[in-house]
Amino acid sequence: MSRALLALTMCALAVACSSPAEKARVDATALDRVTFRQVEPVLGRRCGTIDCHGSAYRNFRIYGYGGLRLNPADKPDTPDASTTSESDATYDALVSLEPELTRKVALAKGAGADDLTLVRKGRGTEDHEGGSLILRGDDADACLIGWLSSAPNADACARAAVAK
């Protein structure tokens, strides 16, 4: 093996085996936490039951009524609502699923949302034990995609939060 090829191989191995910078972080919080409060009841009602993502045994956890409570001693404003802490915890769980892709979708005002696992599984285009809980174009879809696009659709969210 020539010296040049050996040097090139060593450089390639050094780069391939290096780890990310210690302080490198992805800020996935490009999505608005405040307007997520409109989306959270839709996810809670459709996906947050105790036998689904309202379980502590799921990697994507949805906190709130009908499922996992963050602190059972906290009382929400209405019995079927979530506390602000629960909504924040669900937001954190959602943006943590695919932080780089979620940020990219948010910065692109929703372009590429179909690539998010949350959207694919919710629509049933990817294997999902819960099946299709969101249909392309329905109120739940308009609510979620609107939020991912930084153009929340409060009316669609309100309708989807009570329908199933």
C-alpha atoms as a PDB file:
ATOM      1  CA  MET A   1       0.000   0.000   0.000  1.00  0.00           C
ATOM      2  CA  SER A   2       1.422   3.365  -0.940  1.00  0.00           C
ATOM      3  CA  ARG A   3       2.089   6.019   1.692  1.00  0.00           C
ATOM      4  CA  ALA A   4      -0.558   8.321   0.172  1.00  0.00           C
ATOM      5  CA  LEU A   5      -3.216   5.620   0.236  1.00  0.00           C
ATOM      6  CA  LEU A   6      -2.236   4.673   3.775  1.00  0.00           C
ATOM      7  CA  ALA A   7      -2.473   8.324   4.911  1.00  0.00           C
ATOM      8  CA  LEU A   8      -5.858   8.731   3.217  1.00  0.00           C
ATOM      9  CA  THR A   9      -7.137   5.549   4.841  1.00  0.00           C
ATOM     10  CA  MET A  10      -5.935   6.688   8.270  1.00  0.00           C
ATOM     11  CA  CYS A  11      -7.655  10.085   7.839  1.00  0.00           C
ATOM     12  CA  ALA A  12     -10.893   8.423   6.752  1.00  0.00           C
ATOM     13  CA  LEU A  13     -10.805   6.101   9.768  1.00  0.00           C
ATOM     14  CA  ALA A  14     -10.105   8.976  12.136  1.00  0.00           C
ATOM     15  CA  VAL A  15     -13.094  10.919  10.831  1.00  0.00           C
ATOM     16  CA  ALA A  16     -15.391   7.880  10.732  1.00  0.00           C
ATOM     17  CA  CYS A  17     -14.563   6.907  14.289  1.00  0.00           C
ATOM     18  CA  SER A  18     -14.737  10.337  15.832  1.00  0.00           C
ATOM     19  CA  SER A  19     -17.583  11.286  18.104  1.00  0.00           C
ATOM     20  CA  PRO A  20     -19.565  14.517  17.959  1.00  0.00           C
ATOM     21  CA  ALA A  21     -18.245  17.539  19.773  1.00  0.00           C
ATOM     22  CA  GLU A  22     -18.945  17.289  23.479  1.00  0.00           C
ATOM     23  CA  LYS A  23     -21.010  20.466  23.541  1.00  0.00           C
ATOM     24  CA  ALA A  24     -22.803  19.849  20.229  1.00  0.00           C
ATOM     25  CA  ARG A  25     -26.552  19.890  20.746  1.00  0.00           C
ATOM     26  CA  VAL A  26     -29.623  20.025  18.522  1.00  0.00           C
ATOM     27  CA  ASP A  27     -32.220  22.598  19.466  1.00  0.00           C
ATOM     28  CA  ALA A  28     -35.450  20.871  18.474  1.00  0.00           C
ATOM     29  CA  THR A  29     -37.583  23.527  20.105  1.00  0.00           C
ATOM     30  CA  ALA A  30     -38.236  25.453  16.897  1.00  0.00           C
ATOM     31  CA  LEU A  31     -41.905  24.514  17.294  1.00  0.00           C
ATOM     32  CA  ASP A  32     -44.076  26.767  19.405  1.00  0.00           C
ATOM     33  CA  ARG A  33     -44.683  25.353  22.883  1.00  0.00           C
ATOM     34  CA  VAL A  34     -47.599  27.731  23.569  1.00  0.00           C
ATOM     35  CA  THR A  35     -49.680  26.723  20.543  1.00  0.00           C
ATOM     36  CA  PHE A  36     -48.869  23.078  21.279  1.00  0.00           C
ATOM     37  CA  ARG A  37     -51.534  23.412  23.996  1.00  0.00           C
ATOM     38  CA  GLN A  38     -54.066  23.269  21.118  1.00  0.00           C
ATOM     39  CA  VAL A  39     -52.516  20.090  19.664  1.00  0.00           C
ATOM     40  CA  GLU A  40     -51.925  18.237  22.932  1.00  0.00           C
ATOM     41  CA  PRO A  41     -55.614  17.385  23.623  1.00  0.00           C
ATOM     42  CA  VAL A  42     -55.890  15.832  20.153  1.00  0.00           C
ATOM     43  CA  LEU A  43     -52.875  13.615  20.770  1.00  0.00           C
ATOM     44  CA  GLY A  44     -54.088  12.851  24.285  1.00  0.00           C
ATOM     45  CA  ARG A  45     -57.533  11.771  23.132  1.00  0.00           C
ATOM     46  CA  ARG A  46     -56.385   9.719  20.149  1.00  0.00           C
ATOM     47  CA  CYS A  47     -53.037   8.394  21.319  1.00  0.00           C
ATOM     48  CA  GLY A  48     -52.676   8.998  25.065  1.00  0.00           C
ATOM     49  CA  THR A  49     -54.773   6.236  26.595  1.00  0.00           C
ATOM     50  CA  ILE A  50     -53.192   4.076  29.259  1.00  0.00           C
ATOM     51  CA  ASP A  51     -52.911   1.125  26.845  1.00  0.00           C
ATOM     52  CA  CYS A  52     -51.042   3.208  24.253  1.00  0.00           C
ATOM     53  CA  HIS A  53     -48.798   6.253  24.604  1.00  0.00           C
ATOM     54  CA  GLY A  54     -50.334   7.126  27.955  1.00  0.00           C
ATOM     55  CA  SER A  55     -48.164   4.367  29.401  1.00  0.00           C
ATOM     56  CA  ALA A  56     -44.818   4.744  31.145  1.00  0.00           C
ATOM     57  CA  TYR A  57     -43.589   1.797  29.073  1.00  0.00           C
ATOM     58  CA  ARG A  58     -43.691   3.677  25.745  1.00  0.00           C
ATOM     59  CA  ASN A  59     -40.745   5.589  24.322  1.00  0.00           C
ATOM     60  CA  PHE A  60     -43.142   8.354  23.229  1.00  0.00           C
ATOM     61  CA  ARG A  61     -45.242   9.271  26.237  1.00  0.00           C
ATOM     62  CA  ILE A  62     -48.341  11.434  26.232  1.00  0.00           C
ATOM     63  CA  TYR A  63     -49.354  12.779  29.614  1.00  0.00           C
ATOM     64  CA  GLY A  64     -52.868  13.690  30.661  1.00  0.00           C
ATOM     65  CA  TYR A  65     -56.419  12.569  31.228  1.00  0.00           C
ATOM     66  CA  GLY A  66     -57.119   8.930  30.377  1.00  0.00           C
ATOM     67  CA  GLY A  67     -53.488   7.928  30.565  1.00  0.00           C
ATOM     68  CA  LEU A  68     -50.259   8.748  32.274  1.00  0.00           C
ATOM     69  CA  ARG A  69     -50.418  11.599  34.783  1.00  0.00           C
ATOM     70  CA  LEU A  70     -47.228  13.472  35.495  1.00  0.00           C
ATOM     71  CA  ASN A  71     -48.271  14.172  39.074  1.00  0.00           C
ATOM     72  CA  PRO A  72     -51.625  12.656  40.090  1.00  0.00           C
ATOM     73  CA  ALA A  73     -51.902  15.230  42.896  1.00  0.00           C
ATOM     74  CA  ASP A  74     -52.052  18.117  40.370  1.00  0.00           C
ATOM     75  CA  LYS A  75     -55.578  18.967  39.315  1.00  0.00           C
ATOM     76  CA  PRO A  76     -56.186  20.383  35.825  1.00  0.00           C
ATOM     77  CA  ASP A  77     -58.750  23.115  35.184  1.00  0.00           C
ATOM     78  CA  THR A  78     -61.293  20.566  33.919  1.00  0.00           C
ATOM     79  CA  PRO A  79     -61.367  16.815  34.589  1.00  0.00           C
ATOM     80  CA  ASP A  80     -60.557  15.819  30.999  1.00  0.00           C
ATOM     81  CA  ALA A  81     -57.708  18.328  30.555  1.00  0.00           C
ATOM     82  CA  SER A  82     -53.983  18.175  31.096  1.00  0.00           C
ATOM     83  CA  THR A  83     -51.948  20.395  33.359  1.00  0.00           C
ATOM     84  CA  THR A  84     -49.415  22.808  31.891  1.00  0.00           C
ATOM     85  CA  SER A  85     -46.645  20.541  33.199  1.00  0.00           C
ATOM     86  CA  GLU A  86     -48.205  17.547  31.436  1.00  0.00           C
ATOM     87  CA  SER A  87     -48.525  19.474  28.183  1.00  0.00           C
ATOM     88  CA  ASP A  88     -44.890  20.554  28.484  1.00  0.00           C
ATOM     89  CA  ALA A  89     -43.790  16.961  29.139  1.00  0.00           C
ATOM     90  CA  THR A  90     -45.712  15.732  26.082  1.00  0.00           C
ATOM     91  CA  TYR A  91     -44.169  18.526  23.977  1.00  0.00           C
ATOM     92  CA  ASP A  92     -40.699  17.513  25.179  1.00  0.00           C
ATOM     93  CA  ALA A  93     -41.418  13.861  24.356  1.00  0.00           C
ATOM     94  CA  LEU A  94     -42.628  14.769  20.862  1.00  0.00           C
ATOM     95  CA  VAL A  95     -39.716  17.006  19.881  1.00  0.00           C
ATOM     96  CA  SER A  96     -37.285  14.446  21.324  1.00  0.00           C
ATOM     97  CA  LEU A  97     -38.430  11.681  18.975  1.00  0.00           C
ATOM     98  CA  GLU A  98     -36.511  12.979  15.970  1.00  0.00           C
ATOM     99  CA  PRO A  99     -34.975  16.268  17.059  1.00  0.00           C
ATOM    100  CA  GLU A 100     -32.983  17.044  13.908  1.00  0.00           C
ATOM    101  CA  LEU A 101     -35.838  16.200  11.539  1.00  0.00           C
ATOM    102  CA  THR A 102     -38.425  17.934  13.724  1.00  0.00           C
ATOM    103  CA  ARG A 103     -36.359  21.124  13.701  1.00  0.00           C
ATOM    104  CA  LYS A 104     -35.877  20.887   9.941  1.00  0.00           C
ATOM    105  CA  VAL A 105     -39.649  20.516   9.398  1.00  0.00           C
ATOM    106  CA  ALA A 106     -40.396  23.412  11.754  1.00  0.00           C
ATOM    107  CA  LEU A 107     -37.899  25.732  10.072  1.00  0.00           C
ATOM    108  CA  ALA A 108     -39.281  24.722   6.656  1.00  0.00           C
ATOM    109  CA  LYS A 109     -42.799  25.680   7.832  1.00  0.00           C
ATOM    110  CA  GLY A 110     -44.022  22.079   7.671  1.00  0.00           C
ATOM    111  CA  ALA A 111     -42.289  20.954   4.483  1.00  0.00           C
ATOM    112  CA  GLY A 112     -41.217  17.359   5.010  1.00  0.00           C
ATOM    113  CA  ALA A 113     -43.761  16.674   7.776  1.00  0.00           C
ATOM    114  CA  ASP A 114     -44.674  13.422   6.002  1.00  0.00           C
ATOM    115  CA  ASP A 115     -41.181  12.160   6.905  1.00  0.00           C
ATOM    116  CA  LEU A 116     -41.793  12.443  10.655  1.00  0.00           C
ATOM    117  CA  THR A 117     -42.433   9.138  12.403  1.00  0.00           C
ATOM    118  CA  LEU A 118     -45.238  10.773  14.401  1.00  0.00           C
ATOM    119  CA  VAL A 119     -47.075  11.687  11.191  1.00  0.00           C
ATOM    120  CA  ARG A 120     -46.387   8.369   9.425  1.00  0.00           C
ATOM    121  CA  LYS A 121     -47.520   6.255  12.370  1.00  0.00           C
ATOM    122  CA  GLY A 122     -50.478   8.498  13.159  1.00  0.00           C
ATOM    123  CA  ARG A 123     -51.706   8.222   9.579  1.00  0.00           C
ATOM    124  CA  GLY A 124     -50.978   4.502   9.481  1.00  0.00           C
ATOM    125  CA  THR A 125     -48.540   4.760   6.579  1.00  0.00           C
ATOM    126  CA  GLU A 126     -45.956   3.049   8.774  1.00  0.00           C
ATOM    127  CA  ASP A 127     -46.675  -0.019  10.878  1.00  0.00           C
ATOM    128  CA  HIS A 128     -48.381   1.150  14.058  1.00  0.00           C
ATOM    129  CA  GLU A 129     -50.034  -1.053  16.627  1.00  0.00           C
ATOM    130  CA  GLY A 130     -52.738   1.574  17.102  1.00  0.00           C
ATOM    131  CA  GLY A 131     -53.550   1.686  13.377  1.00  0.00           C
ATOM    132  CA  SER A 132     -54.542   4.902  11.605  1.00  0.00           C
ATOM    133  CA  LEU A 133     -55.641   7.404  14.206  1.00  0.00           C
ATOM    134  CA  ILE A 134     -55.248  10.423  11.962  1.00  0.00           C
ATOM    135  CA  LEU A 135     -56.472  10.534   8.387  1.00  0.00           C
ATOM    136  CA  ARG A 136     -54.762  12.757   5.859  1.00  0.00           C
ATOM    137  CA  GLY A 137     -56.816  15.943   5.657  1.00  0.00           C
ATOM    138  CA  ASP A 138     -59.063  15.333   8.688  1.00  0.00           C
ATOM    139  CA  ASP A 139     -59.251  17.798  11.573  1.00  0.00           C
ATOM    140  CA  ALA A 140     -56.589  15.981  13.606  1.00  0.00           C
ATOM    141  CA  ASP A 141     -54.253  16.037  10.615  1.00  0.00           C
ATOM    142  CA  ALA A 142     -54.969  19.731   9.945  1.00  0.00           C
ATOM    143  CA  CYS A 143     -54.316  20.456  13.619  1.00  0.00           C
ATOM    144  CA  LEU A 144     -50.981  18.612  13.756  1.00  0.00           C
ATOM    145  CA  ILE A 145     -49.694  19.688  10.348  1.00  0.00           C
ATOM    146  CA  GLY A 146     -50.794  23.268  10.986  1.00  0.00           C
ATOM    147  CA  TRP A 147     -48.763  23.334  14.185  1.00  0.00           C
ATOM    148  CA  LEU A 148     -45.753  21.722  12.471  1.00  0.00           C
ATOM    149  CA  SER A 149     -46.084  24.428   9.799  1.00  0.00           C
ATOM    150  CA  SER A 150     -46.109  27.235  12.391  1.00  0.00           C
ATOM    151  CA  ALA A 151     -49.676  28.022  11.305  1.00  0.00           C
ATOM    152  CA  PRO A 152     -51.817  26.384  13.987  1.00  0.00           C
ATOM    153  CA  ASN A 153     -55.428  25.689  13.077  1.00  0.00           C
ATOM    154  CA  ALA A 154     -57.262  26.287  16.364  1.00  0.00           C
ATOM    155  CA  ASP A 155     -60.680  25.389  14.901  1.00  0.00           C
ATOM    156  CA  ALA A 156     -59.474  22.039  13.542  1.00  0.00           C
ATOM    157  CA  CYS A 157     -57.742  21.319  16.859  1.00  0.00           C
ATOM    158  CA  ALA A 158     -60.903  22.110  18.826  1.00  0.00           C
ATOM    159  CA  ARG A 159     -63.024  19.825  16.624  1.00  0.00           C
ATOM    160  CA  ALA A 160     -60.433  17.010  16.665  1.00  0.00           C
ATOM    161  CA  ALA A 161     -60.065  17.200  20.439  1.00  0.00           C
ATOM    162  CA  VAL A 162     -63.681  16.068  20.935  1.00  0.00           C
ATOM    163  CA  ALA A 163     -64.058  13.724  17.927  1.00  0.00           C
ATOM    164  CA  LYS A 164     -62.480  10.331  17.498  1.00  0.00           C
END
